[in-house]
Amino acid sequence: MAGFIKPDSGEVRVDGRLVHGPGADRGMVFQEYALFPWHTVSRNIEFGLHKRIPDGEARQALVRSWIAKVKLGGFDGAYPKQLSGGMQQRVAIARALAPDPEVLLMDEPFGALDAQTRVLMQEMLEGLISESRGAVLFVTHDIDEAVFMGTRVVVMSARPGRIKLDRRVPLAHPRHYSVKTSPEFAALKAELTEQVRVEVKAAQASMGPQA
């Protein structure tokens, strides 16, 4: 979907346009941050803005606004090695959202974070997404995260990977972490947990007795 790898079959379209490679209409956030280590926080966020905003002052103003949105005020001149994992991922999210993409692709973006930081990042991102006009495709193995973040949750089957289940999340946006104790949240989580459990067992069975 990001355009980095050519599909073996089928096609990917964004708003009817065929995807041939990476493009500004799609932002990408990776699990491993993927920041430029030789650039500061500001320069990393600014990276994808040069063509969209030729004026340097306007570009810097947008960068400063995103630094504030992801709560990194005072770190604009810091380099990635000087930041925690959660802070680095906030830079990556700001860099992906600053060009205002039509679709934001997120590949397990919080998978490397500790549990408490992960919850805080979920809340921050949920707020940013609520302000955005674009769509988000969020890949995760965490069912709580899928229900809390998603408008729809799509469960994939074991190999060969196919869409097994597509459920709408009956919870209004924006969301507060307390929604995780609601009956609606619990019911959907229970259904999804059972569906994923079946696929995990199927995958293990296909790998034989040593799995």
N, C-alpha and C. Protein backbone atom coordinates (compact mmCIF):
# COMPACT_ATOMS: atom_id res chain seq x y z
N MET A 1 0.82 -1.21 0.00
CA MET A 1 0.00 0.00 0.00
C MET A 1 0.85 1.26 0.00
N ALA A 2 2.00 1.20 0.68
CA ALA A 2 2.90 2.35 0.70
C ALA A 2 3.60 2.53 -0.64
N GLY A 3 3.64 1.47 -1.44
CA GLY A 3 4.28 1.55 -2.74
C GLY A 3 5.73 1.12 -2.75
N PHE A 4 6.24 0.61 -1.64
CA PHE A 4 7.63 0.17 -1.58
C PHE A 4 7.83 -1.18 -2.26
N ILE A 5 6.80 -2.02 -2.23
CA ILE A 5 6.88 -3.37 -2.79
C ILE A 5 5.77 -3.54 -3.81
N LYS A 6 6.11 -4.10 -4.96
CA LYS A 6 5.11 -4.34 -6.00
C LYS A 6 4.28 -5.58 -5.63
N PRO A 7 2.95 -5.50 -5.69
CA PRO A 7 2.13 -6.67 -5.34
C PRO A 7 2.28 -7.80 -6.34
N ASP A 8 2.17 -9.03 -5.86
CA ASP A 8 2.23 -10.20 -6.75
C ASP A 8 1.00 -10.27 -7.66
N SER A 9 -0.12 -9.79 -7.13
CA SER A 9 -1.34 -9.77 -7.91
C SER A 9 -2.25 -8.69 -7.36
N GLY A 10 -3.28 -8.33 -8.11
CA GLY A 10 -4.21 -7.32 -7.66
C GLY A 10 -3.62 -5.92 -7.80
N GLU A 11 -4.31 -4.95 -7.21
CA GLU A 11 -3.84 -3.57 -7.30
C GLU A 11 -4.30 -2.79 -6.08
N VAL A 12 -3.62 -1.68 -5.82
CA VAL A 12 -3.96 -0.79 -4.73
C VAL A 12 -4.31 0.57 -5.33
N ARG A 13 -5.44 1.13 -4.89
CA ARG A 13 -5.85 2.44 -5.36
C ARG A 13 -6.15 3.35 -4.17
N VAL A 14 -5.79 4.62 -4.32
CA VAL A 14 -6.12 5.64 -3.34
C VAL A 14 -7.04 6.64 -4.01
N ASP A 15 -8.29 6.67 -3.56
CA ASP A 15 -9.29 7.56 -4.16
C ASP A 15 -9.36 7.36 -5.67
N GLY A 16 -9.29 6.10 -6.09
CA GLY A 16 -9.40 5.75 -7.50
C GLY A 16 -8.10 5.77 -8.27
N ARG A 17 -7.02 6.31 -7.68
CA ARG A 17 -5.75 6.41 -8.38
C ARG A 17 -4.89 5.18 -8.07
N LEU A 18 -4.35 4.57 -9.12
CA LEU A 18 -3.53 3.37 -8.97
C LEU A 18 -2.20 3.72 -8.32
N VAL A 19 -1.79 2.94 -7.33
CA VAL A 19 -0.51 3.15 -6.65
C VAL A 19 0.59 2.44 -7.42
N HIS A 20 1.59 3.21 -7.88
CA HIS A 20 2.74 2.65 -8.59
C HIS A 20 4.01 2.69 -7.73
N GLY A 21 4.01 3.52 -6.69
CA GLY A 21 5.18 3.66 -5.83
C GLY A 21 4.84 4.58 -4.67
N PRO A 22 5.83 4.93 -3.85
CA PRO A 22 5.58 5.86 -2.75
C PRO A 22 5.08 7.20 -3.27
N GLY A 23 4.26 7.88 -2.47
CA GLY A 23 3.72 9.17 -2.89
C GLY A 23 3.31 10.01 -1.70
N ALA A 24 3.20 11.32 -1.93
CA ALA A 24 2.86 12.25 -0.85
C ALA A 24 1.42 12.07 -0.37
N ASP A 25 0.59 11.35 -1.13
CA ASP A 25 -0.78 11.12 -0.70
C ASP A 25 -0.87 10.08 0.41
N ARG A 26 0.26 9.39 0.68
CA ARG A 26 0.31 8.37 1.73
C ARG A 26 1.47 8.65 2.68
N GLY A 27 1.15 8.81 3.97
CA GLY A 27 2.18 8.94 4.99
C GLY A 27 2.45 7.58 5.60
N MET A 28 3.68 7.37 6.08
CA MET A 28 4.04 6.06 6.61
C MET A 28 4.76 6.21 7.94
N VAL A 29 4.30 5.43 8.94
CA VAL A 29 4.96 5.38 10.24
C VAL A 29 5.35 3.92 10.49
N PHE A 30 6.65 3.70 10.70
CA PHE A 30 7.17 2.35 10.89
C PHE A 30 7.29 2.01 12.37
N GLN A 31 7.48 0.74 12.66
CA GLN A 31 7.66 0.30 14.05
C GLN A 31 8.98 0.81 14.62
N GLU A 32 10.00 0.88 13.80
CA GLU A 32 11.35 1.22 14.28
C GLU A 32 11.70 2.70 14.07
N TYR A 33 10.72 3.57 14.09
CA TYR A 33 10.89 5.03 14.05
C TYR A 33 11.36 5.56 12.69
N ALA A 34 12.47 5.01 12.14
CA ALA A 34 12.94 5.38 10.80
C ALA A 34 13.21 6.87 10.65
N LEU A 35 13.75 7.49 11.69
CA LEU A 35 14.14 8.90 11.60
C LEU A 35 15.53 9.01 11.00
N PHE A 36 15.83 10.19 10.45
CA PHE A 36 17.17 10.44 9.94
C PHE A 36 18.05 10.85 11.13
N PRO A 37 19.05 10.04 11.51
CA PRO A 37 19.82 10.33 12.72
C PRO A 37 20.66 11.59 12.62
N TRP A 38 20.96 12.04 11.40
CA TRP A 38 21.78 13.24 11.22
C TRP A 38 20.94 14.52 11.18
N HIS A 39 19.60 14.39 11.30
CA HIS A 39 18.71 15.55 11.31
C HIS A 39 18.13 15.76 12.70
N THR A 40 17.86 17.00 13.03
CA THR A 40 17.20 17.35 14.28
C THR A 40 15.72 17.00 14.20
N VAL A 41 15.02 17.17 15.32
CA VAL A 41 13.57 16.97 15.34
C VAL A 41 12.90 17.84 14.27
N SER A 42 13.26 19.12 14.22
CA SER A 42 12.66 20.04 13.25
C SER A 42 12.93 19.59 11.82
N ARG A 43 14.17 19.22 11.54
CA ARG A 43 14.53 18.85 10.17
C ARG A 43 13.87 17.54 9.76
N ASN A 44 13.70 16.62 10.70
CA ASN A 44 13.00 15.37 10.38
C ASN A 44 11.56 15.65 9.99
N ILE A 45 10.87 16.50 10.77
CA ILE A 45 9.47 16.82 10.48
C ILE A 45 9.35 17.60 9.18
N GLU A 46 10.34 18.43 8.90
CA GLU A 46 10.32 19.29 7.71
C GLU A 46 10.58 18.51 6.42
N PHE A 47 11.11 17.31 6.54
CA PHE A 47 11.64 16.57 5.39
C PHE A 47 10.67 16.50 4.21
N GLY A 48 9.41 16.17 4.47
CA GLY A 48 8.46 15.98 3.37
C GLY A 48 7.68 17.21 2.97
N LEU A 49 8.11 18.39 3.44
CA LEU A 49 7.32 19.60 3.23
C LEU A 49 7.87 20.54 2.17
N HIS A 50 9.07 20.31 1.67
CA HIS A 50 9.73 21.28 0.79
C HIS A 50 8.94 21.53 -0.49
N LYS A 51 8.46 20.48 -1.13
CA LYS A 51 7.71 20.67 -2.38
C LYS A 51 6.34 21.26 -2.12
N ARG A 52 5.72 20.85 -1.03
CA ARG A 52 4.36 21.32 -0.72
C ARG A 52 4.37 22.78 -0.27
N ILE A 53 5.38 23.17 0.50
CA ILE A 53 5.45 24.53 1.04
C ILE A 53 6.84 25.12 0.71
N PRO A 54 7.00 25.74 -0.45
CA PRO A 54 8.31 26.28 -0.84
C PRO A 54 8.81 27.40 0.08
N ASP A 55 7.90 28.17 0.65
CA ASP A 55 8.28 29.29 1.50
C ASP A 55 8.84 28.78 2.83
N GLY A 56 10.10 29.15 3.12
CA GLY A 56 10.77 28.63 4.31
C GLY A 56 10.11 29.03 5.62
N GLU A 57 9.65 30.28 5.72
CA GLU A 57 9.03 30.74 6.96
C GLU A 57 7.72 30.01 7.23
N ALA A 58 6.93 29.84 6.17
CA ALA A 58 5.66 29.13 6.32
C ALA A 58 5.92 27.68 6.69
N ARG A 59 6.95 27.10 6.11
CA ARG A 59 7.30 25.71 6.40
C ARG A 59 7.71 25.56 7.86
N GLN A 60 8.53 26.46 8.35
CA GLN A 60 8.98 26.39 9.74
C GLN A 60 7.83 26.61 10.71
N ALA A 61 6.88 27.47 10.33
CA ALA A 61 5.71 27.70 11.19
C ALA A 61 4.90 26.42 11.33
N LEU A 62 4.76 25.68 10.23
CA LEU A 62 4.02 24.42 10.29
C LEU A 62 4.78 23.40 11.13
N VAL A 63 6.09 23.34 10.98
CA VAL A 63 6.90 22.43 11.77
C VAL A 63 6.73 22.72 13.26
N ARG A 64 6.79 24.01 13.63
CA ARG A 64 6.64 24.38 15.04
C ARG A 64 5.26 23.98 15.57
N SER A 65 4.24 24.10 14.73
CA SER A 65 2.90 23.73 15.18
C SER A 65 2.81 22.24 15.44
N TRP A 66 3.49 21.44 14.62
CA TRP A 66 3.46 19.99 14.82
C TRP A 66 4.29 19.58 16.02
N ILE A 67 5.39 20.27 16.27
CA ILE A 67 6.17 19.99 17.47
C ILE A 67 5.31 20.22 18.72
N ALA A 68 4.50 21.26 18.68
CA ALA A 68 3.61 21.54 19.81
C ALA A 68 2.53 20.47 19.92
N LYS A 69 1.98 20.04 18.78
CA LYS A 69 0.90 19.05 18.80
C LYS A 69 1.35 17.72 19.39
N VAL A 70 2.60 17.34 19.12
CA VAL A 70 3.08 16.06 19.64
C VAL A 70 3.87 16.24 20.95
N LYS A 71 3.72 17.44 21.54
CA LYS A 71 4.26 17.73 22.88
C LYS A 71 5.77 17.51 22.96
N LEU A 72 6.49 18.12 22.00
CA LEU A 72 7.94 18.05 22.00
C LEU A 72 8.56 19.44 22.05
N GLY A 73 7.84 20.39 22.63
CA GLY A 73 8.36 21.74 22.77
C GLY A 73 9.69 21.76 23.51
N GLY A 74 10.67 22.48 22.97
CA GLY A 74 12.00 22.54 23.56
C GLY A 74 12.95 21.51 23.02
N PHE A 75 12.45 20.56 22.21
CA PHE A 75 13.31 19.51 21.64
C PHE A 75 13.51 19.68 20.13
N ASP A 76 13.13 20.83 19.59
CA ASP A 76 13.21 21.02 18.15
C ASP A 76 14.64 20.86 17.62
N GLY A 77 15.67 21.19 18.42
CA GLY A 77 17.05 21.07 17.98
C GLY A 77 17.73 19.79 18.41
N ALA A 78 16.97 18.88 19.03
CA ALA A 78 17.55 17.61 19.49
C ALA A 78 17.64 16.61 18.34
N TYR A 79 18.60 15.68 18.48
CA TYR A 79 18.77 14.62 17.49
C TYR A 79 18.11 13.33 18.01
N PRO A 80 17.73 12.42 17.12
CA PRO A 80 17.03 11.20 17.55
C PRO A 80 17.72 10.44 18.68
N LYS A 81 19.05 10.37 18.67
CA LYS A 81 19.76 9.62 19.71
C LYS A 81 19.59 10.24 21.10
N GLN A 82 19.14 11.48 21.13
CA GLN A 82 18.94 12.17 22.41
C GLN A 82 17.51 12.01 22.94
N LEU A 83 16.68 11.28 22.21
CA LEU A 83 15.27 11.14 22.55
C LEU A 83 14.95 9.72 23.00
N SER A 84 13.91 9.58 23.83
CA SER A 84 13.40 8.25 24.19
C SER A 84 12.66 7.65 23.00
N GLY A 85 12.32 6.36 23.11
CA GLY A 85 11.60 5.70 22.03
C GLY A 85 10.26 6.37 21.74
N GLY A 86 9.52 6.70 22.81
CA GLY A 86 8.23 7.35 22.62
C GLY A 86 8.35 8.70 21.96
N MET A 87 9.40 9.46 22.32
CA MET A 87 9.61 10.78 21.72
C MET A 87 9.99 10.64 20.24
N GLN A 88 10.81 9.65 19.94
CA GLN A 88 11.18 9.44 18.53
C GLN A 88 9.94 9.10 17.69
N GLN A 89 9.05 8.29 18.25
CA GLN A 89 7.87 7.92 17.48
C GLN A 89 6.92 9.10 17.32
N ARG A 90 6.92 10.01 18.28
CA ARG A 90 6.12 11.23 18.12
C ARG A 90 6.65 12.08 16.97
N VAL A 91 7.97 12.13 16.83
CA VAL A 91 8.57 12.84 15.69
C VAL A 91 8.16 12.18 14.38
N ALA A 92 8.20 10.84 14.36
CA ALA A 92 7.84 10.10 13.15
C ALA A 92 6.38 10.35 12.77
N ILE A 93 5.50 10.41 13.77
CA ILE A 93 4.08 10.65 13.51
C ILE A 93 3.88 12.07 12.98
N ALA A 94 4.56 13.04 13.59
CA ALA A 94 4.45 14.42 13.11
C ALA A 94 4.97 14.54 11.68
N ARG A 95 6.07 13.87 11.38
CA ARG A 95 6.64 13.91 10.03
C ARG A 95 5.66 13.32 9.00
N ALA A 96 4.96 12.25 9.39
CA ALA A 96 4.02 11.62 8.47
C ALA A 96 2.75 12.45 8.28
N LEU A 97 2.30 13.13 9.33
CA LEU A 97 1.05 13.88 9.26
C LEU A 97 1.22 15.31 8.73
N ALA A 98 2.40 15.89 8.89
CA ALA A 98 2.61 17.29 8.50
C ALA A 98 2.25 17.58 7.03
N PRO A 99 2.55 16.68 6.08
CA PRO A 99 2.18 16.95 4.69
C PRO A 99 0.69 16.76 4.39
N ASP A 100 -0.10 16.43 5.41
CA ASP A 100 -1.55 16.25 5.28
C ASP A 100 -1.90 15.18 4.25
N PRO A 101 -1.42 13.94 4.46
CA PRO A 101 -1.68 12.87 3.49
C PRO A 101 -3.15 12.44 3.50
N GLU A 102 -3.58 11.87 2.40
CA GLU A 102 -4.94 11.34 2.33
C GLU A 102 -5.08 10.08 3.17
N VAL A 103 -4.01 9.31 3.25
CA VAL A 103 -4.01 8.06 4.00
C VAL A 103 -2.74 7.99 4.85
N LEU A 104 -2.90 7.63 6.12
CA LEU A 104 -1.75 7.41 6.99
C LEU A 104 -1.63 5.91 7.23
N LEU A 105 -0.48 5.33 6.89
CA LEU A 105 -0.22 3.91 7.06
C LEU A 105 0.67 3.73 8.28
N MET A 106 0.24 2.90 9.23
CA MET A 106 0.98 2.72 10.48
C MET A 106 1.22 1.23 10.72
N ASP A 107 2.49 0.84 10.69
CA ASP A 107 2.86 -0.57 10.81
C ASP A 107 3.35 -0.85 12.23
N GLU A 108 2.45 -1.27 13.10
CA GLU A 108 2.76 -1.55 14.51
C GLU A 108 3.60 -0.42 15.11
N PRO A 109 3.13 0.82 15.04
CA PRO A 109 3.97 1.96 15.43
C PRO A 109 4.33 2.01 16.90
N PHE A 110 3.57 1.32 17.76
CA PHE A 110 3.85 1.38 19.19
C PHE A 110 4.37 0.04 19.73
N GLY A 111 4.69 -0.88 18.83
CA GLY A 111 5.09 -2.22 19.24
C GLY A 111 6.36 -2.27 20.07
N ALA A 112 7.27 -1.29 19.88
CA ALA A 112 8.54 -1.31 20.59
C ALA A 112 8.52 -0.52 21.89
N LEU A 113 7.36 0.03 22.25
CA LEU A 113 7.27 0.89 23.43
C LEU A 113 6.81 0.12 24.66
N ASP A 114 7.16 0.63 25.84
CA ASP A 114 6.68 0.01 27.07
C ASP A 114 5.18 0.27 27.21
N ALA A 115 4.52 -0.48 28.09
CA ALA A 115 3.06 -0.48 28.16
C ALA A 115 2.49 0.90 28.47
N GLN A 116 3.06 1.61 29.44
CA GLN A 116 2.51 2.91 29.82
C GLN A 116 2.70 3.94 28.72
N THR A 117 3.88 3.96 28.10
CA THR A 117 4.12 4.89 26.99
C THR A 117 3.19 4.57 25.83
N ARG A 118 2.96 3.30 25.62
CA ARG A 118 2.08 2.89 24.52
C ARG A 118 0.67 3.45 24.71
N VAL A 119 0.14 3.38 25.93
CA VAL A 119 -1.20 3.91 26.22
C VAL A 119 -1.25 5.42 25.97
N LEU A 120 -0.23 6.14 26.43
CA LEU A 120 -0.18 7.58 26.24
C LEU A 120 -0.09 7.93 24.75
N MET A 121 0.66 7.15 23.99
CA MET A 121 0.79 7.39 22.56
C MET A 121 -0.54 7.12 21.83
N GLN A 122 -1.24 6.09 22.28
CA GLN A 122 -2.55 5.80 21.70
C GLN A 122 -3.50 6.98 21.88
N GLU A 123 -3.51 7.54 23.09
CA GLU A 123 -4.40 8.67 23.36
C GLU A 123 -4.00 9.89 22.53
N MET A 124 -2.70 10.16 22.43
CA MET A 124 -2.24 11.30 21.65
C MET A 124 -2.62 11.13 20.18
N LEU A 125 -2.36 9.95 19.63
CA LEU A 125 -2.65 9.71 18.23
C LEU A 125 -4.14 9.76 17.96
N GLU A 126 -4.93 9.22 18.90
CA GLU A 126 -6.38 9.24 18.72
C GLU A 126 -6.88 10.67 18.60
N GLY A 127 -6.30 11.57 19.39
CA GLY A 127 -6.67 12.98 19.30
C GLY A 127 -6.26 13.60 17.98
N LEU A 128 -5.06 13.28 17.50
CA LEU A 128 -4.58 13.83 16.23
C LEU A 128 -5.43 13.31 15.07
N ILE A 129 -5.78 12.04 15.12
CA ILE A 129 -6.59 11.46 14.05
C ILE A 129 -7.97 12.10 14.01
N SER A 130 -8.52 12.40 15.18
CA SER A 130 -9.84 13.03 15.23
C SER A 130 -9.84 14.38 14.55
N GLU A 131 -8.68 15.08 14.54
CA GLU A 131 -8.56 16.37 13.89
C GLU A 131 -8.29 16.25 12.39
N SER A 132 -7.85 15.08 11.96
CA SER A 132 -7.41 14.90 10.58
C SER A 132 -8.58 14.56 9.66
N ARG A 133 -8.43 14.91 8.39
CA ARG A 133 -9.45 14.57 7.40
C ARG A 133 -9.14 13.25 6.70
N GLY A 134 -7.93 12.72 6.92
CA GLY A 134 -7.51 11.53 6.19
C GLY A 134 -7.91 10.24 6.86
N ALA A 135 -7.72 9.15 6.12
CA ALA A 135 -7.97 7.80 6.64
C ALA A 135 -6.68 7.25 7.24
N VAL A 136 -6.82 6.30 8.15
CA VAL A 136 -5.66 5.67 8.79
C VAL A 136 -5.80 4.16 8.70
N LEU A 137 -4.75 3.51 8.24
CA LEU A 137 -4.68 2.05 8.27
C LEU A 137 -3.63 1.68 9.30
N PHE A 138 -4.07 1.06 10.39
CA PHE A 138 -3.22 0.82 11.57
C PHE A 138 -3.08 -0.69 11.76
N VAL A 139 -1.87 -1.20 11.61
CA VAL A 139 -1.62 -2.63 11.80
C VAL A 139 -1.14 -2.86 13.22
N THR A 140 -1.77 -3.80 13.91
CA THR A 140 -1.38 -4.11 15.29
C THR A 140 -1.73 -5.56 15.62
N HIS A 141 -0.98 -6.13 16.56
CA HIS A 141 -1.31 -7.45 17.11
C HIS A 141 -2.02 -7.32 18.45
N ASP A 142 -2.20 -6.09 18.92
CA ASP A 142 -2.81 -5.82 20.22
C ASP A 142 -4.30 -5.54 20.04
N ILE A 143 -5.15 -6.42 20.56
CA ILE A 143 -6.59 -6.30 20.36
C ILE A 143 -7.15 -5.07 21.07
N ASP A 144 -6.68 -4.80 22.29
CA ASP A 144 -7.11 -3.59 23.00
C ASP A 144 -6.82 -2.34 22.16
N GLU A 145 -5.63 -2.31 21.59
CA GLU A 145 -5.22 -1.16 20.78
C GLU A 145 -6.10 -1.03 19.54
N ALA A 146 -6.42 -2.15 18.91
CA ALA A 146 -7.25 -2.12 17.71
C ALA A 146 -8.64 -1.57 18.01
N VAL A 147 -9.23 -2.01 19.11
CA VAL A 147 -10.58 -1.55 19.45
C VAL A 147 -10.56 -0.08 19.88
N PHE A 148 -9.55 0.30 20.67
CA PHE A 148 -9.47 1.68 21.15
C PHE A 148 -9.22 2.67 20.02
N MET A 149 -8.37 2.30 19.07
CA MET A 149 -7.99 3.22 18.00
C MET A 149 -8.97 3.20 16.83
N GLY A 150 -9.58 2.06 16.56
CA GLY A 150 -10.24 1.86 15.29
C GLY A 150 -11.69 2.30 15.19
N THR A 151 -12.06 2.63 13.96
CA THR A 151 -13.46 2.77 13.58
C THR A 151 -13.99 1.43 13.09
N ARG A 152 -13.08 0.70 12.42
CA ARG A 152 -13.36 -0.68 12.02
C ARG A 152 -12.16 -1.52 12.41
N VAL A 153 -12.40 -2.78 12.77
CA VAL A 153 -11.33 -3.72 13.05
C VAL A 153 -11.46 -4.88 12.07
N VAL A 154 -10.38 -5.13 11.34
CA VAL A 154 -10.36 -6.20 10.34
C VAL A 154 -9.41 -7.28 10.83
N VAL A 155 -9.90 -8.50 10.95
CA VAL A 155 -9.09 -9.64 11.40
C VAL A 155 -8.63 -10.43 10.18
N MET A 156 -7.33 -10.71 10.13
CA MET A 156 -6.77 -11.51 9.04
C MET A 156 -6.68 -12.97 9.46
N SER A 157 -6.85 -13.86 8.50
CA SER A 157 -6.74 -15.29 8.76
C SER A 157 -5.28 -15.72 8.76
N ALA A 158 -5.04 -16.97 9.20
CA ALA A 158 -3.71 -17.55 9.08
C ALA A 158 -3.41 -17.78 7.59
N ARG A 159 -2.15 -18.13 7.30
CA ARG A 159 -1.76 -18.28 5.90
C ARG A 159 -2.62 -19.28 5.15
N PRO A 160 -3.01 -18.92 3.92
CA PRO A 160 -2.77 -17.64 3.25
C PRO A 160 -3.64 -16.54 3.85
N GLY A 161 -3.05 -15.38 4.09
CA GLY A 161 -3.76 -14.30 4.76
C GLY A 161 -4.95 -13.78 3.97
N ARG A 162 -6.09 -13.81 4.58
CA ARG A 162 -7.33 -13.31 3.97
C ARG A 162 -8.11 -12.54 5.02
N ILE A 163 -9.00 -11.66 4.59
CA ILE A 163 -9.86 -10.96 5.53
C ILE A 163 -10.90 -11.94 6.06
N LYS A 164 -10.87 -12.16 7.36
CA LYS A 164 -11.78 -13.12 7.99
C LYS A 164 -12.99 -12.43 8.60
N LEU A 165 -12.76 -11.23 9.15
CA LEU A 165 -13.82 -10.55 9.89
C LEU A 165 -13.63 -9.05 9.76
N ASP A 166 -14.72 -8.33 9.62
CA ASP A 166 -14.67 -6.87 9.51
C ASP A 166 -15.77 -6.32 10.41
N ARG A 167 -15.37 -5.70 11.53
CA ARG A 167 -16.33 -5.23 12.51
C ARG A 167 -16.21 -3.73 12.74
N ARG A 168 -17.35 -3.05 12.78
CA ARG A 168 -17.36 -1.64 13.16
C ARG A 168 -17.26 -1.53 14.67
N VAL A 169 -16.57 -0.52 15.15
CA VAL A 169 -16.42 -0.29 16.58
C VAL A 169 -17.51 0.68 17.03
N PRO A 170 -18.43 0.24 17.91
CA PRO A 170 -19.59 1.06 18.30
C PRO A 170 -19.26 2.09 19.39
N LEU A 171 -18.17 2.83 19.20
CA LEU A 171 -17.73 3.82 20.19
C LEU A 171 -17.43 5.13 19.48
N ALA A 172 -17.93 6.23 20.02
CA ALA A 172 -17.76 7.53 19.38
C ALA A 172 -16.35 8.07 19.57
N HIS A 173 -15.90 8.86 18.60
CA HIS A 173 -14.63 9.59 18.71
C HIS A 173 -14.92 11.02 19.14
N PRO A 174 -13.99 11.70 19.82
CA PRO A 174 -12.72 11.18 20.35
C PRO A 174 -12.94 10.28 21.56
N ARG A 175 -11.95 9.45 21.87
CA ARG A 175 -12.09 8.48 22.94
C ARG A 175 -11.12 8.75 24.09
N HIS A 176 -11.58 8.44 25.28
CA HIS A 176 -10.79 8.54 26.50
C HIS A 176 -10.46 7.11 26.93
N TYR A 177 -9.31 6.93 27.61
CA TYR A 177 -8.90 5.57 27.98
C TYR A 177 -9.94 4.83 28.81
N SER A 178 -10.82 5.58 29.51
CA SER A 178 -11.84 4.95 30.36
C SER A 178 -12.84 4.13 29.55
N VAL A 179 -12.89 4.37 28.23
CA VAL A 179 -13.83 3.62 27.40
C VAL A 179 -13.49 2.13 27.40
N LYS A 180 -12.25 1.80 27.79
CA LYS A 180 -11.82 0.40 27.80
C LYS A 180 -12.55 -0.43 28.85
N THR A 181 -13.23 0.23 29.78
CA THR A 181 -14.00 -0.49 30.80
C THR A 181 -15.48 -0.59 30.44
N SER A 182 -15.87 -0.10 29.28
CA SER A 182 -17.29 -0.10 28.90
C SER A 182 -17.73 -1.49 28.42
N PRO A 183 -19.03 -1.81 28.55
CA PRO A 183 -19.53 -3.11 28.07
C PRO A 183 -19.33 -3.29 26.57
N GLU A 184 -19.48 -2.23 25.79
CA GLU A 184 -19.31 -2.33 24.33
C GLU A 184 -17.89 -2.71 23.98
N PHE A 185 -16.94 -2.09 24.67
CA PHE A 185 -15.52 -2.41 24.44
C PHE A 185 -15.24 -3.86 24.78
N ALA A 186 -15.73 -4.28 25.96
CA ALA A 186 -15.48 -5.65 26.43
C ALA A 186 -16.08 -6.69 25.50
N ALA A 187 -17.28 -6.43 24.99
CA ALA A 187 -17.95 -7.40 24.12
C ALA A 187 -17.20 -7.57 22.81
N LEU A 188 -16.77 -6.44 22.21
CA LEU A 188 -16.05 -6.53 20.94
C LEU A 188 -14.68 -7.16 21.14
N LYS A 189 -14.03 -6.82 22.23
CA LYS A 189 -12.72 -7.42 22.52
C LYS A 189 -12.84 -8.93 22.66
N ALA A 190 -13.89 -9.40 23.35
CA ALA A 190 -14.08 -10.85 23.54
C ALA A 190 -14.28 -11.55 22.20
N GLU A 191 -15.09 -10.94 21.32
CA GLU A 191 -15.33 -11.55 20.00
C GLU A 191 -14.04 -11.62 19.19
N LEU A 192 -13.29 -10.53 19.17
CA LEU A 192 -12.06 -10.49 18.39
C LEU A 192 -11.00 -11.42 18.96
N THR A 193 -10.93 -11.51 20.29
CA THR A 193 -9.96 -12.40 20.92
C THR A 193 -10.20 -13.85 20.51
N GLU A 194 -11.45 -14.25 20.46
CA GLU A 194 -11.77 -15.61 20.06
C GLU A 194 -11.42 -15.86 18.60
N GLN A 195 -11.71 -14.88 17.74
CA GLN A 195 -11.40 -15.01 16.31
C GLN A 195 -9.90 -15.11 16.08
N VAL A 196 -9.13 -14.28 16.78
CA VAL A 196 -7.67 -14.31 16.63
C VAL A 196 -7.10 -15.60 17.21
N ARG A 197 -7.66 -16.06 18.32
CA ARG A 197 -7.20 -17.30 18.95
C ARG A 197 -7.33 -18.48 17.98
N VAL A 198 -8.44 -18.54 17.27
CA VAL A 198 -8.66 -19.61 16.29
C VAL A 198 -7.57 -19.58 15.22
N GLU A 199 -7.23 -18.39 14.74
CA GLU A 199 -6.23 -18.27 13.68
C GLU A 199 -4.83 -18.59 14.18
N VAL A 200 -4.51 -18.21 15.42
CA VAL A 200 -3.21 -18.54 15.99
C VAL A 200 -3.05 -20.05 16.12
N LYS A 201 -4.11 -20.73 16.59
CA LYS A 201 -4.06 -22.18 16.72
C LYS A 201 -3.92 -22.85 15.36
N ALA A 202 -4.60 -22.30 14.35
CA ALA A 202 -4.50 -22.85 13.00
C ALA A 202 -3.08 -22.69 12.46
N ALA A 203 -2.47 -21.55 12.72
CA ALA A 203 -1.10 -21.30 12.27
C ALA A 203 -0.13 -22.25 12.96
N GLN A 204 -0.32 -22.47 14.26
CA GLN A 204 0.55 -23.38 15.00
C GLN A 204 0.41 -24.81 14.49
N ALA A 205 -0.82 -25.21 14.19
CA ALA A 205 -1.08 -26.57 13.71
C ALA A 205 -0.39 -26.79 12.36
N SER A 206 -0.39 -25.78 11.52
CA SER A 206 0.22 -25.91 10.19
C SER A 206 1.73 -26.03 10.26
N MET A 207 2.33 -25.59 11.39
CA MET A 207 3.79 -25.64 11.55
C MET A 207 4.26 -26.96 12.18
N GLY A 208 3.32 -27.81 12.59
CA GLY A 208 3.68 -29.12 13.11
C GLY A 208 3.89 -29.12 14.61
N PRO A 209 4.30 -30.27 15.17
CA PRO A 209 4.39 -30.44 16.64
C PRO A 209 5.46 -29.59 17.32
N GLN A 210 6.43 -29.07 16.57
CA GLN A 210 7.49 -28.27 17.18
C GLN A 210 7.09 -26.81 17.35
N ALA A 211 5.93 -26.40 16.82
CA ALA A 211 5.52 -24.99 16.88
C ALA A 211 5.16 -24.59 18.31
